[in-house]
Amino acid sequence: MSVYGSSTVRIGGSVEGTRLLWQSATVTSVVEGMEGPALENDRTPHPFEDQLNSARVYDYLLGGKDNRAIDRGMAHQMLSRAPELKTLAWFTRSFLRTAVEMAAEAGIRQFIDLGSGIPNSPNVHEVAREIEPTARVVYVDYDPVVVAHCDALLAKSPGVAALLGDVRRPHDILDQLNDRALIDLDEPVAVMFISVLHYVMDDEHPAEITAAFRDRLAPGSYVAIAHGSSDSDPEILQVLTGTNNTSAQVAFRSTAQTETFLAGFEVFEPGVVPVQQWLRPGLPDTRMVMLGAIGRKP
């Protein structure tokens, strides 16, 4: 894995009652040509082939039923080495809820859930609408089966939409959101990158993806990131090599690398830390580490 360079400055201060931890001093420019043809090995899911699928593995870990034997097999391999992975999946889901609640309580009424995966209640629109019943939510995924699941769930939910889009093509997603009037990019938006960027390889420019969204977002917008940590137990990382060359292939990264995805955002306390530290004191550590962070565009 390559290490993206970044310089950060820690600052005090308060935004909507939540203390900022630091603001990145480095703003990454978007790489030209990102929207070109997909890489030869693009790992895009093929719905009618029996291939490992990250959305279905995660669905299984959350107790869902929309998964196949190959997905359950990978999940069982992981659980045999680290039985607490189901707990971590729920920690990550709870972190998503925390991020949505923070944004909604700060007055944000628009939400984008990137790499949304198979719906699992409470979903983003359910959480946001507990605080603001008029919240608009768009679920984005590059798996057509996932989008079909979302469409079925959202059929009777005005102001909520599902969009087929590849996070590795951020400008295409942003253009669709704007052209179809799904999101008003002139108003603050909360963008959720929950367990999606570690499926983007280094040569697919993950830092430029978050930069593309940052550059189009209005001031006051929020971003939340949950990303697998390279500080996870080596045994777990070894199991994950079984996902290589599938849509579930991962590139876990260090805390410093994950921080670079937040360039140009003010990051709230407790910073880039294991997701359970965003929830409540006393939650157990896990051998697979999922980093979480929430930031605001100044």
C-alpha atoms as a PDB file:
ATOM      1  CA  MET A   1       0.000   0.000   0.000  1.00  0.00           C
ATOM      2  CA  SER A   2       1.243   3.469  -0.766  1.00  0.00           C
ATOM      3  CA  VAL A   3       1.154   6.147   1.908  1.00  0.00           C
ATOM      4  CA  TYR A   4      -0.495   9.394   0.886  1.00  0.00           C
ATOM      5  CA  GLY A   5       1.323  12.439   2.222  1.00  0.00           C
ATOM      6  CA  SER A   6      -0.604  14.858   4.440  1.00  0.00           C
ATOM      7  CA  SER A   7       0.065  17.664   6.858  1.00  0.00           C
ATOM      8  CA  THR A   8      -2.397  18.372   9.641  1.00  0.00           C
ATOM      9  CA  VAL A   9      -2.800  21.111  12.212  1.00  0.00           C
ATOM     10  CA  ARG A  10      -4.654  20.448  15.453  1.00  0.00           C
ATOM     11  CA  ILE A  11      -7.009  23.203  16.487  1.00  0.00           C
ATOM     12  CA  GLY A  12      -9.537  23.890  19.202  1.00  0.00           C
ATOM     13  CA  GLY A  13     -12.946  25.390  18.657  1.00  0.00           C
ATOM     14  CA  SER A  14     -16.592  24.501  18.570  1.00  0.00           C
ATOM     15  CA  VAL A  15     -19.048  23.822  15.764  1.00  0.00           C
ATOM     16  CA  GLU A  16     -22.712  23.277  16.640  1.00  0.00           C
ATOM     17  CA  GLY A  17     -21.702  22.303  20.170  1.00  0.00           C
ATOM     18  CA  THR A  18     -19.182  19.621  19.118  1.00  0.00           C
ATOM     19  CA  ARG A  19     -15.478  20.266  19.640  1.00  0.00           C
ATOM     20  CA  LEU A  20     -13.294  20.013  16.572  1.00  0.00           C
ATOM     21  CA  LEU A  21     -10.199  17.862  16.898  1.00  0.00           C
ATOM     22  CA  TRP A  22      -8.215  19.024  13.884  1.00  0.00           C
ATOM     23  CA  GLN A  23      -8.467  20.547  10.467  1.00  0.00           C
ATOM     24  CA  SER A  24      -6.385  19.209   7.633  1.00  0.00           C
ATOM     25  CA  ALA A  25      -4.040  21.765   6.131  1.00  0.00           C
ATOM     26  CA  THR A  26      -3.643  19.775   2.923  1.00  0.00           C
ATOM     27  CA  VAL A  27      -6.284  19.880   0.186  1.00  0.00           C
ATOM     28  CA  THR A  28      -5.855  17.232  -2.494  1.00  0.00           C
ATOM     29  CA  SER A  29      -6.701  18.203  -6.056  1.00  0.00           C
ATOM     30  CA  VAL A  30      -8.830  15.877  -8.151  1.00  0.00           C
ATOM     31  CA  VAL A  31      -6.913  13.827 -10.672  1.00  0.00           C
ATOM     32  CA  GLU A  32      -7.913  14.543 -14.272  1.00  0.00           C
ATOM     33  CA  GLY A  33      -9.173  11.583 -16.213  1.00  0.00           C
ATOM     34  CA  MET A  34     -10.692   9.760 -13.246  1.00  0.00           C
ATOM     35  CA  GLU A  35     -13.877   9.312 -15.189  1.00  0.00           C
ATOM     36  CA  GLY A  36     -12.287   7.247 -17.955  1.00  0.00           C
ATOM     37  CA  PRO A  37     -12.837   3.545 -18.640  1.00  0.00           C
ATOM     38  CA  ALA A  38     -12.795   1.178 -15.704  1.00  0.00           C
ATOM     39  CA  LEU A  39      -9.620  -0.755 -14.988  1.00  0.00           C
ATOM     40  CA  GLU A  40      -9.298  -4.113 -16.706  1.00  0.00           C
ATOM     41  CA  ASN A  41      -9.844  -5.836 -13.360  1.00  0.00           C
ATOM     42  CA  ASP A  42     -12.617  -3.571 -12.097  1.00  0.00           C
ATOM     43  CA  ARG A  43     -14.097  -6.099  -9.597  1.00  0.00           C
ATOM     44  CA  THR A  44     -17.628  -5.019 -10.513  1.00  0.00           C
ATOM     45  CA  PRO A  45     -20.254  -7.491  -9.221  1.00  0.00           C
ATOM     46  CA  HIS A  46     -21.940  -9.771 -11.752  1.00  0.00           C
ATOM     47  CA  PRO A  47     -25.396 -10.522 -10.322  1.00  0.00           C
ATOM     48  CA  PHE A  48     -25.953 -13.864 -12.008  1.00  0.00           C
ATOM     49  CA  GLU A  49     -22.521 -15.353 -11.311  1.00  0.00           C
ATOM     50  CA  ASP A  50     -21.646 -17.170  -8.085  1.00  0.00           C
ATOM     51  CA  GLN A  51     -18.909 -14.768  -7.014  1.00  0.00           C
ATOM     52  CA  LEU A  52     -17.972 -13.482  -3.578  1.00  0.00           C
ATOM     53  CA  ASN A  53     -19.849 -10.255  -2.884  1.00  0.00           C
ATOM     54  CA  SER A  54     -18.943  -7.785  -0.126  1.00  0.00           C
ATOM     55  CA  ALA A  55     -22.498  -6.488   0.306  1.00  0.00           C
ATOM     56  CA  ARG A  56     -23.792 -10.013   0.877  1.00  0.00           C
ATOM     57  CA  VAL A  57     -20.972 -10.889   3.318  1.00  0.00           C
ATOM     58  CA  TYR A  58     -21.838  -7.784   5.334  1.00  0.00           C
ATOM     59  CA  ASP A  59     -25.538  -8.649   5.119  1.00  0.00           C
ATOM     60  CA  TYR A  60     -24.780 -12.068   6.606  1.00  0.00           C
ATOM     61  CA  LEU A  61     -22.719 -10.567   9.445  1.00  0.00           C
ATOM     62  CA  LEU A  62     -25.664  -8.290  10.275  1.00  0.00           C
ATOM     63  CA  GLY A  63     -28.007 -11.271  10.383  1.00  0.00           C
ATOM     64  CA  GLY A  64     -29.611 -10.706   6.974  1.00  0.00           C
ATOM     65  CA  LYS A  65     -30.853 -13.326   4.545  1.00  0.00           C
ATOM     66  CA  ASP A  66     -29.796 -11.818   1.206  1.00  0.00           C
ATOM     67  CA  ASN A  67     -26.559 -13.800   0.824  1.00  0.00           C
ATOM     68  CA  ARG A  68     -25.234 -16.938  -0.852  1.00  0.00           C
ATOM     69  CA  ALA A  69     -23.174 -19.932   0.190  1.00  0.00           C
ATOM     70  CA  ILE A  70     -19.936 -18.404  -1.125  1.00  0.00           C
ATOM     71  CA  ASP A  71     -20.518 -15.277   0.991  1.00  0.00           C
ATOM     72  CA  ARG A  72     -21.370 -17.304   4.085  1.00  0.00           C
ATOM     73  CA  GLY A  73     -18.230 -19.371   3.511  1.00  0.00           C
ATOM     74  CA  MET A  74     -16.003 -16.275   3.605  1.00  0.00           C
ATOM     75  CA  ALA A  75     -17.880 -14.940   6.632  1.00  0.00           C
ATOM     76  CA  HIS A  76     -17.389 -18.262   8.439  1.00  0.00           C
ATOM     77  CA  GLN A  77     -13.644 -18.191   7.671  1.00  0.00           C
ATOM     78  CA  MET A  78     -13.414 -14.721   9.165  1.00  0.00           C
ATOM     79  CA  LEU A  79     -15.579 -15.610  12.163  1.00  0.00           C
ATOM     80  CA  SER A  80     -13.504 -18.714  12.874  1.00  0.00           C
ATOM     81  CA  ARG A  81     -10.486 -16.451  13.403  1.00  0.00           C
ATOM     82  CA  ALA A  82     -12.334 -13.537  15.011  1.00  0.00           C
ATOM     83  CA  PRO A  83     -15.807 -14.407  16.351  1.00  0.00           C
ATOM     84  CA  GLU A  84     -16.330 -10.782  17.384  1.00  0.00           C
ATOM     85  CA  LEU A  85     -16.705  -9.681  13.740  1.00  0.00           C
ATOM     86  CA  LYS A  86     -20.481  -9.731  14.018  1.00  0.00           C
ATOM     87  CA  THR A  87     -20.138  -7.351  16.935  1.00  0.00           C
ATOM     88  CA  LEU A  88     -17.842  -5.117  14.882  1.00  0.00           C
ATOM     89  CA  ALA A  89     -20.379  -5.079  12.062  1.00  0.00           C
ATOM     90  CA  TRP A  90     -22.958  -3.731  14.487  1.00  0.00           C
ATOM     91  CA  PHE A  91     -20.454  -1.218  15.916  1.00  0.00           C
ATOM     92  CA  THR A  92     -19.940   0.055  12.365  1.00  0.00           C
ATOM     93  CA  ARG A  93     -23.664   0.214  11.753  1.00  0.00           C
ATOM     94  CA  SER A  94     -24.100   2.124  15.017  1.00  0.00           C
ATOM     95  CA  PHE A  95     -21.355   4.533  13.944  1.00  0.00           C
ATOM     96  CA  LEU A  96     -23.327   5.213  10.759  1.00  0.00           C
ATOM     97  CA  ARG A  97     -26.354   6.033  12.882  1.00  0.00           C
ATOM     98  CA  THR A  98     -24.257   8.352  15.080  1.00  0.00           C
ATOM     99  CA  ALA A  99     -22.942  10.204  12.022  1.00  0.00           C
ATOM    100  CA  VAL A 100     -26.427  10.654  10.555  1.00  0.00           C
ATOM    101  CA  GLU A 101     -27.787  11.882  13.873  1.00  0.00           C
ATOM    102  CA  MET A 102     -24.934  14.384  14.283  1.00  0.00           C
ATOM    103  CA  ALA A 103     -25.513  15.787  10.811  1.00  0.00           C
ATOM    104  CA  ALA A 104     -29.294  15.980  11.207  1.00  0.00           C
ATOM    105  CA  GLU A 105     -29.004  17.661  14.605  1.00  0.00           C
ATOM    106  CA  ALA A 106     -26.649  20.202  12.984  1.00  0.00           C
ATOM    107  CA  GLY A 107     -29.422  21.120  10.550  1.00  0.00           C
ATOM    108  CA  ILE A 108     -28.472  19.027   7.504  1.00  0.00           C
ATOM    109  CA  ARG A 109     -31.482  17.756   5.580  1.00  0.00           C
ATOM    110  CA  GLN A 110     -29.792  15.911   2.681  1.00  0.00           C
ATOM    111  CA  PHE A 111     -27.875  12.626   2.891  1.00  0.00           C
ATOM    112  CA  ILE A 112     -25.891  10.496   0.426  1.00  0.00           C
ATOM    113  CA  ASP A 113     -25.052   6.918   1.452  1.00  0.00           C
ATOM    114  CA  LEU A 114     -22.221   5.710  -0.806  1.00  0.00           C
ATOM    115  CA  GLY A 115     -21.732   1.968  -1.151  1.00  0.00           C
ATOM    116  CA  SER A 116     -24.961   1.627   0.789  1.00  0.00           C
ATOM    117  CA  GLY A 117     -25.176  -2.154   0.543  1.00  0.00           C
ATOM    118  CA  ILE A 118     -28.251  -4.293   1.073  1.00  0.00           C
ATOM    119  CA  PRO A 119     -30.828  -2.409   3.180  1.00  0.00           C
ATOM    120  CA  ASN A 120     -30.740  -3.220   6.880  1.00  0.00           C
ATOM    121  CA  SER A 121     -32.931  -1.321   9.327  1.00  0.00           C
ATOM    122  CA  PRO A 122     -32.489   1.252  10.684  1.00  0.00           C
ATOM    123  CA  ASN A 123     -31.452   2.714   7.333  1.00  0.00           C
ATOM    124  CA  VAL A 124     -30.142   6.242   6.834  1.00  0.00           C
ATOM    125  CA  HIS A 125     -33.527   7.715   5.915  1.00  0.00           C
ATOM    126  CA  GLU A 126     -35.142   6.141   8.981  1.00  0.00           C
ATOM    127  CA  VAL A 127     -32.508   7.608  11.305  1.00  0.00           C
ATOM    128  CA  ALA A 128     -32.497  11.041   9.658  1.00  0.00           C
ATOM    129  CA  ARG A 129     -36.282  11.272   9.654  1.00  0.00           C
ATOM    130  CA  GLU A 130     -36.455  10.594  13.368  1.00  0.00           C
ATOM    131  CA  ILE A 131     -34.924  14.078  13.663  1.00  0.00           C
ATOM    132  CA  GLU A 132     -36.133  15.742  10.450  1.00  0.00           C
ATOM    133  CA  PRO A 133     -39.142  14.087   8.751  1.00  0.00           C
ATOM    134  CA  THR A 134     -38.468  15.923   5.457  1.00  0.00           C
ATOM    135  CA  ALA A 135     -34.872  14.687   5.067  1.00  0.00           C
ATOM    136  CA  ARG A 136     -33.888  13.645   1.522  1.00  0.00           C
ATOM    137  CA  VAL A 137     -31.711  10.543   1.168  1.00  0.00           C
ATOM    138  CA  VAL A 138     -30.014   8.936  -1.835  1.00  0.00           C
ATOM    139  CA  TYR A 139     -28.557   5.427  -1.584  1.00  0.00           C
ATOM    140  CA  VAL A 140     -25.739   4.755  -4.070  1.00  0.00           C
ATOM    141  CA  ASP A 141     -24.228   1.377  -4.938  1.00  0.00           C
ATOM    142  CA  TYR A 142     -22.520  -0.144  -7.964  1.00  0.00           C
ATOM    143  CA  ASP A 143     -24.218  -3.518  -7.537  1.00  0.00           C
ATOM    144  CA  PRO A 144     -27.488  -3.612  -9.541  1.00  0.00           C
ATOM    145  CA  VAL A 145     -28.952  -6.227  -7.190  1.00  0.00           C
ATOM    146  CA  VAL A 146     -28.318  -3.953  -4.194  1.00  0.00           C
ATOM    147  CA  VAL A 147     -29.974  -1.067  -6.038  1.00  0.00           C
ATOM    148  CA  ALA A 148     -32.957  -3.307  -6.814  1.00  0.00           C
ATOM    149  CA  HIS A 149     -33.253  -4.156  -3.100  1.00  0.00           C
ATOM    150  CA  CYS A 150     -33.153  -0.435  -2.286  1.00  0.00           C
ATOM    151  CA  ASP A 151     -35.767   0.349  -4.931  1.00  0.00           C
ATOM    152  CA  ALA A 152     -38.101  -2.250  -3.426  1.00  0.00           C
ATOM    153  CA  LEU A 153     -37.589  -0.837   0.071  1.00  0.00           C
ATOM    154  CA  LEU A 154     -38.007   2.779  -0.990  1.00  0.00           C
ATOM    155  CA  ALA A 155     -40.927   2.439  -3.395  1.00  0.00           C
ATOM    156  CA  LYS A 156     -43.278   4.237  -1.000  1.00  0.00           C
ATOM    157  CA  SER A 157     -40.796   6.710   0.494  1.00  0.00           C
ATOM    158  CA  PRO A 158     -41.000  10.157  -1.164  1.00  0.00           C
ATOM    159  CA  GLY A 159     -37.723  12.062  -1.048  1.00  0.00           C
ATOM    160  CA  VAL A 160     -35.687   8.838  -0.899  1.00  0.00           C
ATOM    161  CA  ALA A 161     -33.988   7.368  -3.979  1.00  0.00           C
ATOM    162  CA  ALA A 162     -31.568   4.635  -5.067  1.00  0.00           C
ATOM    163  CA  LEU A 163     -28.870   5.313  -7.630  1.00  0.00           C
ATOM    164  CA  LEU A 164     -26.637   2.916  -9.559  1.00  0.00           C
ATOM    165  CA  GLY A 165     -23.160   4.434  -9.360  1.00  0.00           C
ATOM    166  CA  ASP A 166     -19.529   3.461  -8.801  1.00  0.00           C
ATOM    167  CA  VAL A 167     -17.784   5.429  -6.053  1.00  0.00           C
ATOM    168  CA  ARG A 168     -14.626   5.225  -8.182  1.00  0.00           C
ATOM    169  CA  ARG A 169     -16.432   7.512 -10.645  1.00  0.00           C
ATOM    170  CA  PRO A 170     -17.363  10.338  -8.249  1.00  0.00           C
ATOM    171  CA  HIS A 171     -18.053  12.986 -10.880  1.00  0.00           C
ATOM    172  CA  ASP A 172     -20.541  10.687 -12.593  1.00  0.00           C
ATOM    173  CA  ILE A 173     -22.386  10.215  -9.285  1.00  0.00           C
ATOM    174  CA  LEU A 174     -22.339  13.934  -8.528  1.00  0.00           C
ATOM    175  CA  ASP A 175     -23.591  14.791 -12.018  1.00  0.00           C
ATOM    176  CA  GLN A 176     -26.450  12.292 -11.707  1.00  0.00           C
ATOM    177  CA  LEU A 177     -27.432  13.689  -8.302  1.00  0.00           C
ATOM    178  CA  ASN A 178     -27.487  17.200  -9.749  1.00  0.00           C
ATOM    179  CA  ASP A 179     -29.057  16.445 -13.150  1.00  0.00           C
ATOM    180  CA  ARG A 180     -31.855  14.361 -11.650  1.00  0.00           C
ATOM    181  CA  ALA A 181     -32.469  16.960  -8.907  1.00  0.00           C
ATOM    182  CA  LEU A 182     -31.982  14.306  -6.235  1.00  0.00           C
ATOM    183  CA  ILE A 183     -29.681  16.494  -4.121  1.00  0.00           C
ATOM    184  CA  ASP A 184     -29.227  20.289  -4.063  1.00  0.00           C
ATOM    185  CA  LEU A 185     -25.445  20.661  -3.959  1.00  0.00           C
ATOM    186  CA  ASP A 186     -25.801  24.353  -3.140  1.00  0.00           C
ATOM    187  CA  GLU A 187     -27.120  23.351   0.290  1.00  0.00           C
ATOM    188  CA  PRO A 188     -25.275  21.332   2.975  1.00  0.00           C
ATOM    189  CA  VAL A 189     -25.190  17.567   2.466  1.00  0.00           C
ATOM    190  CA  ALA A 190     -23.991  14.702   4.665  1.00  0.00           C
ATOM    191  CA  VAL A 191     -22.010  12.115   2.694  1.00  0.00           C
ATOM    192  CA  MET A 192     -21.502   8.658   4.206  1.00  0.00           C
ATOM    193  CA  PHE A 193     -18.408   6.672   3.149  1.00  0.00           C
ATOM    194  CA  ILE A 194     -19.154   3.758   5.480  1.00  0.00           C
ATOM    195  CA  SER A 195     -17.051   0.666   4.744  1.00  0.00           C
ATOM    196  CA  VAL A 196     -16.610   1.618   1.085  1.00  0.00           C
ATOM    197  CA  LEU A 197     -13.199   3.262   0.598  1.00  0.00           C
ATOM    198  CA  HIS A 198     -11.265   0.152   1.635  1.00  0.00           C
ATOM    199  CA  TYR A 199     -12.740  -1.494  -1.489  1.00  0.00           C
ATOM    200  CA  VAL A 200     -10.950   1.168  -3.560  1.00  0.00           C
ATOM    201  CA  MET A 201      -7.369   0.200  -4.410  1.00  0.00           C
ATOM    202  CA  ASP A 202      -4.497   2.694  -4.168  1.00  0.00           C
ATOM    203  CA  ASP A 203      -4.242   2.985  -7.965  1.00  0.00           C
ATOM    204  CA  GLU A 204      -7.935   3.946  -8.015  1.00  0.00           C
ATOM    205  CA  HIS A 205      -7.159   7.120  -6.032  1.00  0.00           C
ATOM    206  CA  PRO A 206      -9.328   6.972  -2.890  1.00  0.00           C
ATOM    207  CA  ALA A 207      -8.119  10.367  -1.636  1.00  0.00           C
ATOM    208  CA  GLU A 208      -9.190  11.988  -4.899  1.00  0.00           C
ATOM    209  CA  ILE A 209     -12.638  10.453  -4.532  1.00  0.00           C
ATOM    210  CA  THR A 210     -13.303  12.207  -1.233  1.00  0.00           C
ATOM    211  CA  ALA A 211     -11.736  15.367  -2.680  1.00  0.00           C
ATOM    212  CA  ALA A 212     -14.169  15.282  -5.601  1.00  0.00           C
ATOM    213  CA  PHE A 213     -17.114  15.256  -3.223  1.00  0.00           C
ATOM    214  CA  ARG A 214     -15.550  17.878  -0.954  1.00  0.00           C
ATOM    215  CA  ASP A 215     -15.064  20.265  -3.852  1.00  0.00           C
ATOM    216  CA  ARG A 216     -18.738  20.045  -4.883  1.00  0.00           C
ATOM    217  CA  LEU A 217     -20.223  20.227  -1.379  1.00  0.00           C
ATOM    218  CA  ALA A 218     -21.564  23.425   0.141  1.00  0.00           C
ATOM    219  CA  PRO A 219     -19.921  24.818   3.302  1.00  0.00           C
ATOM    220  CA  GLY A 220     -21.378  23.215   6.405  1.00  0.00           C
ATOM    221  CA  SER A 221     -21.595  19.782   4.752  1.00  0.00           C
ATOM    222  CA  TYR A 222     -20.599  16.690   6.726  1.00  0.00           C
ATOM    223  CA  VAL A 223     -18.610  13.618   5.761  1.00  0.00           C
ATOM    224  CA  ALA A 224     -18.377  10.337   7.689  1.00  0.00           C
ATOM    225  CA  ILE A 225     -15.823   7.625   6.951  1.00  0.00           C
ATOM    226  CA  ALA A 226     -15.511   4.071   8.287  1.00  0.00           C
ATOM    227  CA  HIS A 227     -12.407   2.327   6.943  1.00  0.00           C
ATOM    228  CA  GLY A 228     -10.634  -0.944   7.701  1.00  0.00           C
ATOM    229  CA  SER A 229      -7.341  -0.490   9.543  1.00  0.00           C
ATOM    230  CA  SER A 230      -4.036  -2.084   8.626  1.00  0.00           C
ATOM    231  CA  ASP A 231      -3.457  -2.320  12.391  1.00  0.00           C
ATOM    232  CA  SER A 232      -5.954  -5.193  12.453  1.00  0.00           C
ATOM    233  CA  ASP A 233      -4.684  -8.560  13.648  1.00  0.00           C
ATOM    234  CA  PRO A 234      -2.336 -10.048  10.995  1.00  0.00           C
ATOM    235  CA  GLU A 235      -4.273 -13.320  11.066  1.00  0.00           C
ATOM    236  CA  ILE A 236      -7.439 -11.473  10.045  1.00  0.00           C
ATOM    237  CA  LEU A 237      -5.615  -9.597   7.300  1.00  0.00           C
ATOM    238  CA  GLN A 238      -4.332 -12.921   5.977  1.00  0.00           C
ATOM    239  CA  VAL A 239      -7.886 -14.307   5.761  1.00  0.00           C
ATOM    240  CA  LEU A 240      -8.927 -11.241   3.759  1.00  0.00           C
ATOM    241  CA  THR A 241      -6.437 -12.075   0.999  1.00  0.00           C
ATOM    242  CA  GLY A 242      -9.005 -14.688  -0.046  1.00  0.00           C
ATOM    243  CA  THR A 243     -11.098 -11.836  -1.431  1.00  0.00           C
ATOM    244  CA  ASN A 244      -8.470 -10.711  -3.949  1.00  0.00           C
ATOM    245  CA  ASN A 245      -9.702 -10.164  -7.524  1.00  0.00           C
ATOM    246  CA  THR A 246     -13.344 -10.184  -6.393  1.00  0.00           C
ATOM    247  CA  SER A 247     -15.745  -7.346  -5.620  1.00  0.00           C
ATOM    248  CA  ALA A 248     -14.873  -7.969  -1.948  1.00  0.00           C
ATOM    249  CA  GLN A 249     -11.125  -7.271  -2.348  1.00  0.00           C
ATOM    250  CA  VAL A 250      -9.943  -4.835   0.316  1.00  0.00           C
ATOM    251  CA  ALA A 251      -7.044  -2.460   0.936  1.00  0.00           C
ATOM    252  CA  PHE A 252      -6.953  -1.713   4.650  1.00  0.00           C
ATOM    253  CA  ARG A 253      -4.948   1.409   5.560  1.00  0.00           C
ATOM    254  CA  SER A 254      -3.243   3.089   8.501  1.00  0.00           C
ATOM    255  CA  THR A 255      -4.732   5.865  10.597  1.00  0.00           C
ATOM    256  CA  ALA A 256      -2.440   8.372   8.863  1.00  0.00           C
ATOM    257  CA  GLN A 257      -3.583   7.212   5.424  1.00  0.00           C
ATOM    258  CA  THR A 258      -7.222   7.391   6.446  1.00  0.00           C
ATOM    259  CA  GLU A 259      -6.717  10.938   7.717  1.00  0.00           C
ATOM    260  CA  THR A 260      -5.741  12.029   4.209  1.00  0.00           C
ATOM    261  CA  PHE A 261      -9.258  11.229   2.991  1.00  0.00           C
ATOM    262  CA  LEU A 262     -10.453  14.054   5.257  1.00  0.00           C
ATOM    263  CA  ALA A 263      -8.233  16.743   3.739  1.00  0.00           C
ATOM    264  CA  GLY A 264     -10.092  20.053   3.741  1.00  0.00           C
ATOM    265  CA  PHE A 265     -12.573  18.976   6.433  1.00  0.00           C
ATOM    266  CA  GLU A 266     -12.656  19.951  10.092  1.00  0.00           C
ATOM    267  CA  VAL A 267     -12.586  16.674  12.004  1.00  0.00           C
ATOM    268  CA  PHE A 268     -14.558  16.254  15.218  1.00  0.00           C
ATOM    269  CA  GLU A 269     -13.353  14.543  18.375  1.00  0.00           C
ATOM    270  CA  PRO A 270     -12.374  11.837  19.021  1.00  0.00           C
ATOM    271  CA  GLY A 271     -10.830  11.919  15.525  1.00  0.00           C
ATOM    272  CA  VAL A 272      -9.812   8.941  13.396  1.00  0.00           C
ATOM    273  CA  VAL A 273     -10.263   6.136  15.920  1.00  0.00           C
ATOM    274  CA  PRO A 274     -11.869   2.677  16.114  1.00  0.00           C
ATOM    275  CA  VAL A 275     -15.587   3.113  15.497  1.00  0.00           C
ATOM    276  CA  GLN A 276     -16.608   1.882  18.958  1.00  0.00           C
ATOM    277  CA  GLN A 277     -14.867   4.918  20.473  1.00  0.00           C
ATOM    278  CA  TRP A 278     -17.518   7.055  18.770  1.00  0.00           C
ATOM    279  CA  LEU A 279     -20.317   5.182  20.545  1.00  0.00           C
ATOM    280  CA  ARG A 280     -19.871   4.929  24.310  1.00  0.00           C
ATOM    281  CA  PRO A 281     -17.114   4.163  26.838  1.00  0.00           C
ATOM    282  CA  GLY A 282     -16.255   0.602  27.719  1.00  0.00           C
ATOM    283  CA  LEU A 283     -16.968  -1.138  24.429  1.00  0.00           C
ATOM    284  CA  PRO A 284     -14.452  -3.939  23.714  1.00  0.00           C
ATOM    285  CA  ASP A 285     -11.602  -3.783  21.245  1.00  0.00           C
ATOM    286  CA  THR A 286     -11.809  -6.079  18.227  1.00  0.00           C
ATOM    287  CA  ARG A 287      -9.055  -7.899  16.358  1.00  0.00           C
ATOM    288  CA  MET A 288     -10.296  -6.408  13.124  1.00  0.00           C
ATOM    289  CA  VAL A 289     -10.106  -2.649  13.545  1.00  0.00           C
ATOM    290  CA  MET A 290     -12.583  -0.369  11.765  1.00  0.00           C
ATOM    291  CA  LEU A 291     -11.573   3.279  11.893  1.00  0.00           C
ATOM    292  CA  GLY A 292     -14.244   5.958  12.030  1.00  0.00           C
ATOM    293  CA  ALA A 293     -14.180   9.732  11.569  1.00  0.00           C
ATOM    294  CA  ILE A 294     -16.698  12.538  11.090  1.00  0.00           C
ATOM    295  CA  GLY A 295     -15.801  15.909   9.560  1.00  0.00           C
ATOM    296  CA  ARG A 296     -17.353  19.179   8.439  1.00  0.00           C
ATOM    297  CA  LYS A 297     -16.530  21.365   5.450  1.00  0.00           C
ATOM    298  CA  PRO A 298     -15.763  24.902   6.708  1.00  0.00           C
END
